[in-house]
């Protein structure tokens, strides 16, 4: 599945976006000692509206 990036902010119609993280890892529920993976936020530079959130390393959540 191909990701379709938002080209216009749904809140203010801005077109400039940036990505960042809060450095709080998301962790698997069944692996309490896992390092997990960072959440990456894509947000509008005009109003701050978050238009997407993704996990940096989704492979860390696969059960082995």
PDB file of N, CA and C in Angstrom:
ATOM      1  N   UNK A   1       0.837  -1.171   0.000  1.00  0.00           N
ATOM      2  CA  UNK A   1       0.000   0.000   0.000  1.00  0.00           C
ATOM      3  C   UNK A   1       0.888   1.242   0.000  1.00  0.00           C
ATOM      4  N   UNK A   2       0.636   2.152  -0.895  1.00  0.00           N
ATOM      5  CA  UNK A   2       1.418   3.375  -0.995  1.00  0.00           C
ATOM      6  C   UNK A   2       0.794   4.471  -0.133  1.00  0.00           C
ATOM      7  N   UNK A   3       1.648   5.198   0.596  1.00  0.00           N
ATOM      8  CA  UNK A   3       1.174   6.283   1.455  1.00  0.00           C
ATOM      9  C   UNK A   3       0.905   7.514   0.600  1.00  0.00           C
ATOM     10  N   UNK A   4      -0.258   8.113   0.779  1.00  0.00           N
ATOM     11  CA  UNK A   4      -0.605   9.339   0.078  1.00  0.00           C
ATOM     12  C   UNK A   4      -0.441  10.499   1.058  1.00  0.00           C
ATOM     13  N   UNK A   5       0.653  11.242   0.934  1.00  0.00           N
ATOM     14  CA  UNK A   5       0.907  12.350   1.857  1.00  0.00           C
ATOM     15  C   UNK A   5      -0.099  13.475   1.651  1.00  0.00           C
ATOM     16  N   UNK A   6      -0.525  14.050   2.753  1.00  0.00           N
ATOM     17  CA  UNK A   6      -1.419  15.205   2.719  1.00  0.00           C
ATOM     18  C   UNK A   6      -0.642  16.374   2.124  1.00  0.00           C
ATOM     19  N   UNK A   7      -1.192  17.015   1.131  1.00  0.00           N
ATOM     20  CA  UNK A   7      -0.526  18.138   0.480  1.00  0.00           C
ATOM     21  C   UNK A   7      -1.040  19.486   0.978  1.00  0.00           C
ATOM     22  N   UNK A   8      -2.194  19.453   1.645  1.00  0.00           N
ATOM     23  CA  UNK A   8      -2.786  20.687   2.167  1.00  0.00           C
ATOM     24  C   UNK A   8      -3.353  20.409   3.554  1.00  0.00           C
ATOM     25  N   UNK A   9      -3.079  21.300   4.486  1.00  0.00           N
ATOM     26  CA  UNK A   9      -3.566  21.143   5.851  1.00  0.00           C
ATOM     27  C   UNK A   9      -5.096  21.209   5.881  1.00  0.00           C
ATOM     28  N   UNK A  10      -5.757  20.245   6.521  1.00  0.00           N
ATOM     29  CA  UNK A  10      -7.214  20.268   6.601  1.00  0.00           C
ATOM     30  C   UNK A  10      -7.750  21.381   7.501  1.00  0.00           C
ATOM     31  N   UNK A  11      -6.904  21.958   8.333  1.00  0.00           N
ATOM     32  CA  UNK A  11      -7.348  23.005   9.259  1.00  0.00           C
ATOM     33  C   UNK A  11      -7.189  24.417   8.685  1.00  0.00           C
ATOM     34  N   UNK A  12      -5.999  24.703   8.104  1.00  0.00           N
ATOM     35  CA  UNK A  12      -5.734  26.078   7.658  1.00  0.00           C
ATOM     36  C   UNK A  12      -5.392  26.185   6.174  1.00  0.00           C
ATOM     37  N   UNK A  13      -5.355  25.047   5.490  1.00  0.00           N
ATOM     38  CA  UNK A  13      -5.009  24.964   4.067  1.00  0.00           C
ATOM     39  C   UNK A  13      -3.553  25.306   3.777  1.00  0.00           C
ATOM     40  N   UNK A  14      -2.709  25.277   4.818  1.00  0.00           N
ATOM     41  CA  UNK A  14      -1.274  25.503   4.620  1.00  0.00           C
ATOM     42  C   UNK A  14      -0.656  24.366   3.825  1.00  0.00           C
ATOM     43  N   UNK A  15       0.491  24.629   3.212  1.00  0.00           N
ATOM     44  CA  UNK A  15       1.137  23.618   2.381  1.00  0.00           C
ATOM     45  C   UNK A  15       2.565  23.297   2.821  1.00  0.00           C
ATOM     46  N   UNK A  16       3.029  23.879   3.913  1.00  0.00           N
ATOM     47  CA  UNK A  16       4.370  23.606   4.428  1.00  0.00           C
ATOM     48  C   UNK A  16       4.266  22.693   5.636  1.00  0.00           C
ATOM     49  N   UNK A  17       4.966  21.553   5.566  1.00  0.00           N
ATOM     50  CA  UNK A  17       4.911  20.550   6.622  1.00  0.00           C
ATOM     51  C   UNK A  17       6.314  20.209   7.099  1.00  0.00           C
ATOM     52  N   UNK A  18       6.407  19.690   8.309  1.00  0.00           N
ATOM     53  CA  UNK A  18       7.660  19.208   8.875  1.00  0.00           C
ATOM     54  C   UNK A  18       7.373  17.915   9.622  1.00  0.00           C
ATOM     55  N   UNK A  19       8.433  17.187   9.966  1.00  0.00           N
ATOM     56  CA  UNK A  19       8.295  15.962  10.753  1.00  0.00           C
ATOM     57  C   UNK A  19       9.149  16.076  11.995  1.00  0.00           C
ATOM     58  N   UNK A  20       8.674  15.466  13.082  1.00  0.00           N
ATOM     59  CA  UNK A  20       9.408  15.480  14.333  1.00  0.00           C
ATOM     60  C   UNK A  20       8.961  14.342  15.221  1.00  0.00           C
ATOM     61  N   UNK A  21       9.636  14.196  16.348  1.00  0.00           N
ATOM     62  CA  UNK A  21       9.303  13.160  17.315  1.00  0.00           C
ATOM     63  C   UNK A  21       9.292  13.755  18.707  1.00  0.00           C
ATOM     64  N   UNK A  22       8.616  13.093  19.626  1.00  0.00           N
ATOM     65  CA  UNK A  22       8.629  13.539  21.020  1.00  0.00           C
ATOM     66  C   UNK A  22       9.607  12.704  21.848  1.00  0.00           C
ATOM     67  N   UNK A  23      10.331  11.806  21.199  1.00  0.00           N
ATOM     68  CA  UNK A  23      11.325  10.932  21.821  1.00  0.00           C
ATOM     69  C   UNK A  23      10.731   9.995  22.868  1.00  0.00           C
ATOM     70  N   UNK A  24       9.427   9.769  22.807  1.00  0.00           N
ATOM     71  CA  UNK A  24       8.767   8.788  23.673  1.00  0.00           C
ATOM     72  C   UNK A  24       8.467   7.566  22.815  1.00  0.00           C
ATOM     73  N   UNK A  25       9.144   6.485  23.076  1.00  0.00           N
ATOM     74  CA  UNK A  25       8.980   5.275  22.266  1.00  0.00           C
ATOM     75  C   UNK A  25       7.626   4.628  22.524  1.00  0.00           C
ATOM     76  N   UNK A  26       7.056   4.078  21.460  1.00  0.00           N
ATOM     77  CA  UNK A  26       5.867   3.254  21.577  1.00  0.00           C
ATOM     78  C   UNK A  26       6.376   1.820  21.706  1.00  0.00           C
ATOM     79  N   UNK A  27       5.819   1.063  22.664  1.00  0.00           N
ATOM     80  CA  UNK A  27       6.347  -0.265  22.965  1.00  0.00           C
ATOM     81  C   UNK A  27       5.268  -1.325  22.819  1.00  0.00           C
ATOM     82  N   UNK A  28       5.666  -2.545  22.439  1.00  0.00           N
ATOM     83  CA  UNK A  28       4.702  -3.643  22.368  1.00  0.00           C
ATOM     84  C   UNK A  28       4.138  -3.948  23.753  1.00  0.00           C
ATOM     85  N   UNK A  29       2.851  -4.238  23.829  1.00  0.00           N
ATOM     86  CA  UNK A  29       2.221  -4.549  25.116  1.00  0.00           C
ATOM     87  C   UNK A  29       2.768  -5.830  25.736  1.00  0.00           C
ATOM     88  N   UNK A  30       3.125  -6.801  24.913  1.00  0.00           N
ATOM     89  CA  UNK A  30       3.560  -8.095  25.434  1.00  0.00           C
ATOM     90  C   UNK A  30       5.063  -8.183  25.660  1.00  0.00           C
ATOM     91  N   UNK A  31       5.806  -7.105  25.427  1.00  0.00           N
ATOM     92  CA  UNK A  31       7.258  -7.101  25.627  1.00  0.00           C
ATOM     93  C   UNK A  31       7.634  -5.876  26.454  1.00  0.00           C
ATOM     94  N   UNK A  32       7.479  -5.957  27.750  1.00  0.00           N
ATOM     95  CA  UNK A  32       7.658  -4.802  28.624  1.00  0.00           C
ATOM     96  C   UNK A  32       9.083  -4.233  28.623  1.00  0.00           C
ATOM     97  N   UNK A  33      10.083  -5.044  28.318  1.00  0.00           N
ATOM     98  CA  UNK A  33      11.463  -4.570  28.336  1.00  0.00           C
ATOM     99  C   UNK A  33      11.964  -4.161  26.949  1.00  0.00           C
ATOM    100  N   UNK A  34      11.094  -4.159  25.966  1.00  0.00           N
ATOM    101  CA  UNK A  34      11.466  -3.786  24.605  1.00  0.00           C
ATOM    102  C   UNK A  34      11.809  -2.298  24.530  1.00  0.00           C
ATOM    103  N   UNK A  35      12.773  -1.960  23.670  1.00  0.00           N
ATOM    104  CA  UNK A  35      13.127  -0.559  23.450  1.00  0.00           C
ATOM    105  C   UNK A  35      12.048   0.154  22.641  1.00  0.00           C
ATOM    106  N   UNK A  36      11.246  -0.601  21.909  1.00  0.00           N
ATOM    107  CA  UNK A  36      10.166  -0.014  21.127  1.00  0.00           C
ATOM    108  C   UNK A  36      10.666   0.778  19.938  1.00  0.00           C
ATOM    109  N   UNK A  37       9.860   1.728  19.493  1.00  0.00           N
ATOM    110  CA  UNK A  37      10.172   2.526  18.315  1.00  0.00           C
ATOM    111  C   UNK A  37       9.597   3.928  18.487  1.00  0.00           C
ATOM    112  N   UNK A  38      10.276   4.905  17.895  1.00  0.00           N
ATOM    113  CA  UNK A  38       9.802   6.280  17.980  1.00  0.00           C
ATOM    114  C   UNK A  38       8.559   6.497  17.129  1.00  0.00           C
ATOM    115  N   UNK A  39       7.749   7.456  17.538  1.00  0.00           N
ATOM    116  CA  UNK A  39       6.597   7.916  16.746  1.00  0.00           C
ATOM    117  C   UNK A  39       7.061   9.135  15.965  1.00  0.00           C
ATOM    118  N   UNK A  40       6.748   9.176  14.680  1.00  0.00           N
ATOM    119  CA  UNK A  40       7.100  10.303  13.830  1.00  0.00           C
ATOM    120  C   UNK A  40       5.818  11.074  13.506  1.00  0.00           C
ATOM    121  N   UNK A  41       5.797  12.340  13.846  1.00  0.00           N
ATOM    122  CA  UNK A  41       4.641  13.204  13.608  1.00  0.00           C
ATOM    123  C   UNK A  41       4.906  14.069  12.380  1.00  0.00           C
ATOM    124  N   UNK A  42       3.916  14.184  11.490  1.00  0.00           N
ATOM    125  CA  UNK A  42       3.970  15.113  10.359  1.00  0.00           C
ATOM    126  C   UNK A  42       2.954  16.202  10.675  1.00  0.00           C
ATOM    127  N   UNK A  43       3.392  17.463  10.662  1.00  0.00           N
ATOM    128  CA  UNK A  43       2.518  18.550  11.089  1.00  0.00           C
ATOM    129  C   UNK A  43       2.678  19.784  10.212  1.00  0.00           C
ATOM    130  N   UNK A  44       1.623  20.595  10.210  1.00  0.00           N
ATOM    131  CA  UNK A  44       1.582  21.837   9.439  1.00  0.00           C
ATOM    132  C   UNK A  44       2.431  22.898  10.141  1.00  0.00           C
ATOM    133  N   UNK A  45       3.281  23.567   9.376  1.00  0.00           N
ATOM    134  CA  UNK A  45       4.129  24.616   9.946  1.00  0.00           C
ATOM    135  C   UNK A  45       3.376  25.920  10.179  1.00  0.00           C
ATOM    136  N   UNK A  46       2.196  26.066   9.599  1.00  0.00           N
ATOM    137  CA  UNK A  46       1.419  27.280   9.796  1.00  0.00           C
ATOM    138  C   UNK A  46       0.608  27.250  11.079  1.00  0.00           C
ATOM    139  N   UNK A  47      -0.093  26.132  11.334  1.00  0.00           N
ATOM    140  CA  UNK A  47      -0.991  26.087  12.494  1.00  0.00           C
ATOM    141  C   UNK A  47      -0.652  24.983  13.498  1.00  0.00           C
ATOM    142  N   UNK A  48       0.231  24.053  13.142  1.00  0.00           N
ATOM    143  CA  UNK A  48       0.623  22.992  14.063  1.00  0.00           C
ATOM    144  C   UNK A  48      -0.245  21.750  14.011  1.00  0.00           C
ATOM    145  N   UNK A  49      -1.240  21.708  13.135  1.00  0.00           N
ATOM    146  CA  UNK A  49      -2.120  20.541  13.022  1.00  0.00           C
ATOM    147  C   UNK A  49      -1.305  19.306  12.640  1.00  0.00           C
ATOM    148  N   UNK A  50      -1.445  18.228  13.428  1.00  0.00           N
ATOM    149  CA  UNK A  50      -0.780  16.960  13.119  1.00  0.00           C
ATOM    150  C   UNK A  50      -1.617  16.241  12.066  1.00  0.00           C
ATOM    151  N   UNK A  51      -1.003  15.951  10.911  1.00  0.00           N
ATOM    152  CA  UNK A  51      -1.738  15.316   9.821  1.00  0.00           C
ATOM    153  C   UNK A  51      -1.444  13.829   9.711  1.00  0.00           C
ATOM    154  N   UNK A  52      -0.372  13.343  10.369  1.00  0.00           N
ATOM    155  CA  UNK A  52      -0.124  11.904  10.397  1.00  0.00           C
ATOM    156  C   UNK A  52       0.830  11.557  11.533  1.00  0.00           C
ATOM    157  N   UNK A  53       0.702  10.322  11.991  1.00  0.00           N
ATOM    158  CA  UNK A  53       1.615   9.758  12.987  1.00  0.00           C
ATOM    159  C   UNK A  53       1.992   8.385  12.473  1.00  0.00           C
ATOM    160  N   UNK A  54       3.294   8.078  12.469  1.00  0.00           N
ATOM    161  CA  UNK A  54       3.721   6.744  12.053  1.00  0.00           C
ATOM    162  C   UNK A  54       4.784   6.225  13.006  1.00  0.00           C
ATOM    163  N   UNK A  55       4.948   4.922  13.034  1.00  0.00           N
ATOM    164  CA  UNK A  55       5.964   4.265  13.853  1.00  0.00           C
ATOM    165  C   UNK A  55       7.221   4.128  13.003  1.00  0.00           C
ATOM    166  N   UNK A  56       8.359   4.550  13.544  1.00  0.00           N
ATOM    167  CA  UNK A  56       9.607   4.553  12.786  1.00  0.00           C
ATOM    168  C   UNK A  56      10.049   3.142  12.383  1.00  0.00           C
ATOM    169  N   UNK A  57       9.965   2.184  13.294  1.00  0.00           N
ATOM    170  CA  UNK A  57      10.403   0.808  13.031  1.00  0.00           C
ATOM    171  C   UNK A  57       9.293  -0.181  13.364  1.00  0.00           C
ATOM    172  N   UNK A  58       8.292  -0.326  12.484  1.00  0.00           N
ATOM    173  CA  UNK A  58       7.167  -1.221  12.789  1.00  0.00           C
ATOM    174  C   UNK A  58       7.567  -2.690  12.928  1.00  0.00           C
ATOM    175  N   UNK A  59       8.701  -3.085  12.382  1.00  0.00           N
ATOM    176  CA  UNK A  59       9.159  -4.467  12.483  1.00  0.00           C
ATOM    177  C   UNK A  59       9.396  -4.909  13.923  1.00  0.00           C
ATOM    178  N   UNK A  60       9.621  -3.988  14.831  1.00  0.00           N
ATOM    179  CA  UNK A  60       9.857  -4.332  16.237  1.00  0.00           C
ATOM    180  C   UNK A  60       8.593  -4.883  16.904  1.00  0.00           C
ATOM    181  N   UNK A  61       7.452  -4.787  16.224  1.00  0.00           N
ATOM    182  CA  UNK A  61       6.195  -5.231  16.807  1.00  0.00           C
ATOM    183  C   UNK A  61       5.748  -6.592  16.284  1.00  0.00           C
ATOM    184  N   UNK A  62       6.555  -7.210  15.443  1.00  0.00           N
ATOM    185  CA  UNK A  62       6.219  -8.536  14.933  1.00  0.00           C
ATOM    186  C   UNK A  62       6.478  -9.568  16.020  1.00  0.00           C
ATOM    187  N   UNK A  63       5.566 -10.489  16.168  1.00  0.00           N
ATOM    188  CA  UNK A  63       5.744 -11.585  17.140  1.00  0.00           C
ATOM    189  C   UNK A  63       6.610 -12.654  16.530  1.00  0.00           C
ATOM    190  N   UNK A  64       7.542 -13.140  17.271  1.00  0.00           N
ATOM    191  CA  UNK A  64       8.435 -14.203  16.773  1.00  0.00           C
ATOM    192  C   UNK A  64       8.109 -15.488  17.396  1.00  0.00           C
TER     193      UNK A  64
END
